[in-house]
């Protein structure tokens, strides 16, 4: 019986460690544009970068865009504020990404998607 309890405790500890490893603090981006051109050029770079990575980018109003990424059963939605001098990418909502509002954590893959979007935008600017 003790051996069974010991095995159960080890499995519980191992599984909780595995679950914790799939979440990470939400990564928001704030980037300065090195060689500013115009706000519309920044938006075009954002839209092009997003499209290349499967994001649907729509302008909400001048200086504000929304990005949506649909991957299998996962959905990520971000708000992208931009000007000719900078842009930021902030988490808005998600589906099936283990978002925890209290801890401000999300599935670790989300952060990779945001980092890839940031790099693609930078490459176009």
C-alpha atoms as a PDB file:
ATOM      1  CA  UNK A   1       0.000   0.000   0.000  1.00  0.00           C
ATOM      2  CA  UNK A   2       2.823   2.409   0.857  1.00  0.00           C
ATOM      3  CA  UNK A   3       4.518   1.626  -2.417  1.00  0.00           C
ATOM      4  CA  UNK A   4       1.297   2.438  -4.274  1.00  0.00           C
ATOM      5  CA  UNK A   5       0.939   5.757  -2.418  1.00  0.00           C
ATOM      6  CA  UNK A   6       4.559   6.611  -3.131  1.00  0.00           C
ATOM      7  CA  UNK A   7       4.073   5.899  -6.860  1.00  0.00           C
ATOM      8  CA  UNK A   8       0.856   7.962  -6.904  1.00  0.00           C
ATOM      9  CA  UNK A   9       2.632  10.886  -5.225  1.00  0.00           C
ATOM     10  CA  UNK A  10       5.489  10.747  -7.720  1.00  0.00           C
ATOM     11  CA  UNK A  11       3.064  10.635 -10.664  1.00  0.00           C
ATOM     12  CA  UNK A  12       1.093  13.575  -9.270  1.00  0.00           C
ATOM     13  CA  UNK A  13       4.245  15.627  -8.760  1.00  0.00           C
ATOM     14  CA  UNK A  14       5.569  14.763 -12.219  1.00  0.00           C
ATOM     15  CA  UNK A  15       2.293  15.568 -13.954  1.00  0.00           C
ATOM     16  CA  UNK A  16       1.934  18.910 -12.125  1.00  0.00           C
ATOM     17  CA  UNK A  17       5.471  19.837 -13.182  1.00  0.00           C
ATOM     18  CA  UNK A  18       4.623  18.937 -16.791  1.00  0.00           C
ATOM     19  CA  UNK A  19       1.467  21.052 -16.719  1.00  0.00           C
ATOM     20  CA  UNK A  20       3.358  24.013 -15.246  1.00  0.00           C
ATOM     21  CA  UNK A  21       5.946  23.763 -18.023  1.00  0.00           C
ATOM     22  CA  UNK A  22       3.325  24.364 -20.696  1.00  0.00           C
ATOM     23  CA  UNK A  23       2.447  27.811 -19.317  1.00  0.00           C
ATOM     24  CA  UNK A  24       4.547  30.960 -19.331  1.00  0.00           C
ATOM     25  CA  UNK A  25       4.043  34.646 -18.513  1.00  0.00           C
ATOM     26  CA  UNK A  26       2.388  36.510 -21.387  1.00  0.00           C
ATOM     27  CA  UNK A  27       4.931  38.185 -23.656  1.00  0.00           C
ATOM     28  CA  UNK A  28       3.864  41.636 -24.842  1.00  0.00           C
ATOM     29  CA  UNK A  29       6.023  43.575 -27.296  1.00  0.00           C
ATOM     30  CA  UNK A  30       6.949  47.242 -27.475  1.00  0.00           C
ATOM     31  CA  UNK A  31       9.411  48.040 -30.256  1.00  0.00           C
ATOM     32  CA  UNK A  32      10.846  51.299 -31.549  1.00  0.00           C
ATOM     33  CA  UNK A  33      11.141  51.630 -35.316  1.00  0.00           C
ATOM     34  CA  UNK A  34      14.787  52.241 -36.267  1.00  0.00           C
ATOM     35  CA  UNK A  35      14.174  54.163 -39.490  1.00  0.00           C
ATOM     36  CA  UNK A  36      10.686  55.699 -39.350  1.00  0.00           C
ATOM     37  CA  UNK A  37       8.833  56.215 -42.627  1.00  0.00           C
ATOM     38  CA  UNK A  38       5.109  56.702 -41.979  1.00  0.00           C
ATOM     39  CA  UNK A  39       2.327  55.172 -39.925  1.00  0.00           C
ATOM     40  CA  UNK A  40       0.842  53.642 -43.057  1.00  0.00           C
ATOM     41  CA  UNK A  41       4.212  52.059 -43.937  1.00  0.00           C
ATOM     42  CA  UNK A  42       4.363  50.595 -40.428  1.00  0.00           C
ATOM     43  CA  UNK A  43       0.842  49.188 -40.852  1.00  0.00           C
ATOM     44  CA  UNK A  44       1.748  47.676 -44.222  1.00  0.00           C
ATOM     45  CA  UNK A  45       4.774  45.990 -42.631  1.00  0.00           C
ATOM     46  CA  UNK A  46       2.592  44.641 -39.801  1.00  0.00           C
ATOM     47  CA  UNK A  47      -0.042  43.364 -42.227  1.00  0.00           C
ATOM     48  CA  UNK A  48       2.533  41.750 -44.524  1.00  0.00           C
ATOM     49  CA  UNK A  49       4.392  40.136 -41.620  1.00  0.00           C
ATOM     50  CA  UNK A  50       1.161  38.820 -40.139  1.00  0.00           C
ATOM     51  CA  UNK A  51      -0.044  37.422 -43.444  1.00  0.00           C
ATOM     52  CA  UNK A  52       3.248  35.572 -43.963  1.00  0.00           C
ATOM     53  CA  UNK A  53       2.750  33.816 -40.607  1.00  0.00           C
ATOM     54  CA  UNK A  54      -0.963  33.056 -40.931  1.00  0.00           C
ATOM     55  CA  UNK A  55      -2.252  36.000 -38.881  1.00  0.00           C
ATOM     56  CA  UNK A  56      -5.335  37.910 -40.035  1.00  0.00           C
ATOM     57  CA  UNK A  57      -4.515  41.574 -39.450  1.00  0.00           C
ATOM     58  CA  UNK A  58      -7.231  44.223 -39.696  1.00  0.00           C
ATOM     59  CA  UNK A  59      -6.990  47.914 -39.045  1.00  0.00           C
ATOM     60  CA  UNK A  60      -9.468  48.978 -36.343  1.00  0.00           C
ATOM     61  CA  UNK A  61      -8.663  52.674 -36.757  1.00  0.00           C
ATOM     62  CA  UNK A  62      -5.539  54.599 -37.735  1.00  0.00           C
ATOM     63  CA  UNK A  63      -2.798  53.552 -35.342  1.00  0.00           C
ATOM     64  CA  UNK A  64      -4.617  50.453 -34.082  1.00  0.00           C
ATOM     65  CA  UNK A  65      -4.839  46.995 -35.655  1.00  0.00           C
ATOM     66  CA  UNK A  66      -6.128  43.663 -34.464  1.00  0.00           C
ATOM     67  CA  UNK A  67      -4.386  40.390 -35.206  1.00  0.00           C
ATOM     68  CA  UNK A  68      -6.032  36.965 -35.063  1.00  0.00           C
ATOM     69  CA  UNK A  69      -4.261  33.657 -35.406  1.00  0.00           C
ATOM     70  CA  UNK A  70      -6.214  30.436 -35.908  1.00  0.00           C
ATOM     71  CA  UNK A  71      -4.129  27.275 -35.425  1.00  0.00           C
ATOM     72  CA  UNK A  72      -6.051  24.010 -35.240  1.00  0.00           C
ATOM     73  CA  UNK A  73      -8.360  24.502 -32.236  1.00  0.00           C
ATOM     74  CA  UNK A  74      -6.365  27.457 -30.845  1.00  0.00           C
ATOM     75  CA  UNK A  75      -7.189  31.134 -31.344  1.00  0.00           C
ATOM     76  CA  UNK A  76      -5.052  34.102 -30.282  1.00  0.00           C
ATOM     77  CA  UNK A  77      -6.176  37.718 -30.564  1.00  0.00           C
ATOM     78  CA  UNK A  78      -3.800  40.666 -30.129  1.00  0.00           C
ATOM     79  CA  UNK A  79      -4.045  44.443 -30.333  1.00  0.00           C
ATOM     80  CA  UNK A  80      -1.288  46.158 -32.280  1.00  0.00           C
ATOM     81  CA  UNK A  81      -0.797  49.872 -31.659  1.00  0.00           C
ATOM     82  CA  UNK A  82       1.523  51.484 -34.162  1.00  0.00           C
ATOM     83  CA  UNK A  83       2.956  54.771 -35.394  1.00  0.00           C
ATOM     84  CA  UNK A  84       5.870  55.674 -37.589  1.00  0.00           C
ATOM     85  CA  UNK A  85       8.082  55.556 -34.478  1.00  0.00           C
ATOM     86  CA  UNK A  86       7.000  52.339 -32.746  1.00  0.00           C
ATOM     87  CA  UNK A  87       4.562  49.472 -32.438  1.00  0.00           C
ATOM     88  CA  UNK A  88       3.334  47.264 -29.634  1.00  0.00           C
ATOM     89  CA  UNK A  89       1.685  43.862 -29.562  1.00  0.00           C
ATOM     90  CA  UNK A  90      -0.566  43.127 -26.575  1.00  0.00           C
ATOM     91  CA  UNK A  91      -2.623  40.103 -25.644  1.00  0.00           C
ATOM     92  CA  UNK A  92      -6.406  40.573 -25.911  1.00  0.00           C
ATOM     93  CA  UNK A  93      -7.956  37.104 -25.645  1.00  0.00           C
ATOM     94  CA  UNK A  94      -7.524  33.489 -26.637  1.00  0.00           C
ATOM     95  CA  UNK A  95      -9.253  30.145 -26.946  1.00  0.00           C
ATOM     96  CA  UNK A  96      -7.709  26.833 -25.873  1.00  0.00           C
ATOM     97  CA  UNK A  97      -4.388  28.389 -24.841  1.00  0.00           C
ATOM     98  CA  UNK A  98      -4.621  27.831 -21.074  1.00  0.00           C
ATOM     99  CA  UNK A  99      -4.853  31.569 -20.332  1.00  0.00           C
ATOM    100  CA  UNK A 100      -4.782  32.274 -16.594  1.00  0.00           C
ATOM    101  CA  UNK A 101      -5.913  35.843 -15.869  1.00  0.00           C
ATOM    102  CA  UNK A 102      -4.835  35.763 -12.222  1.00  0.00           C
ATOM    103  CA  UNK A 103      -1.257  34.738 -13.040  1.00  0.00           C
ATOM    104  CA  UNK A 104      -1.178  36.373 -16.488  1.00  0.00           C
ATOM    105  CA  UNK A 105       0.142  33.152 -17.995  1.00  0.00           C
ATOM    106  CA  UNK A 106      -0.650  31.383 -21.238  1.00  0.00           C
ATOM    107  CA  UNK A 107       0.490  28.339 -23.191  1.00  0.00           C
ATOM    108  CA  UNK A 108       4.166  28.818 -24.000  1.00  0.00           C
ATOM    109  CA  UNK A 109       3.567  28.445 -27.761  1.00  0.00           C
ATOM    110  CA  UNK A 110       1.708  31.772 -27.750  1.00  0.00           C
ATOM    111  CA  UNK A 111       4.916  33.602 -26.831  1.00  0.00           C
ATOM    112  CA  UNK A 112       6.735  31.971 -29.734  1.00  0.00           C
ATOM    113  CA  UNK A 113       4.000  33.124 -32.130  1.00  0.00           C
ATOM    114  CA  UNK A 114       4.321  36.684 -30.808  1.00  0.00           C
ATOM    115  CA  UNK A 115       8.113  36.636 -31.051  1.00  0.00           C
ATOM    116  CA  UNK A 116       7.883  35.362 -34.639  1.00  0.00           C
ATOM    117  CA  UNK A 117       5.407  38.122 -35.518  1.00  0.00           C
ATOM    118  CA  UNK A 118       7.681  40.748 -33.932  1.00  0.00           C
ATOM    119  CA  UNK A 119      10.722  39.476 -35.875  1.00  0.00           C
ATOM    120  CA  UNK A 120       8.765  39.413 -39.150  1.00  0.00           C
ATOM    121  CA  UNK A 121       7.550  42.990 -38.621  1.00  0.00           C
ATOM    122  CA  UNK A 122      11.092  44.145 -37.825  1.00  0.00           C
ATOM    123  CA  UNK A 123      12.417  42.457 -40.954  1.00  0.00           C
ATOM    124  CA  UNK A 124       9.935  44.450 -43.066  1.00  0.00           C
ATOM    125  CA  UNK A 125      10.692  47.767 -41.397  1.00  0.00           C
END
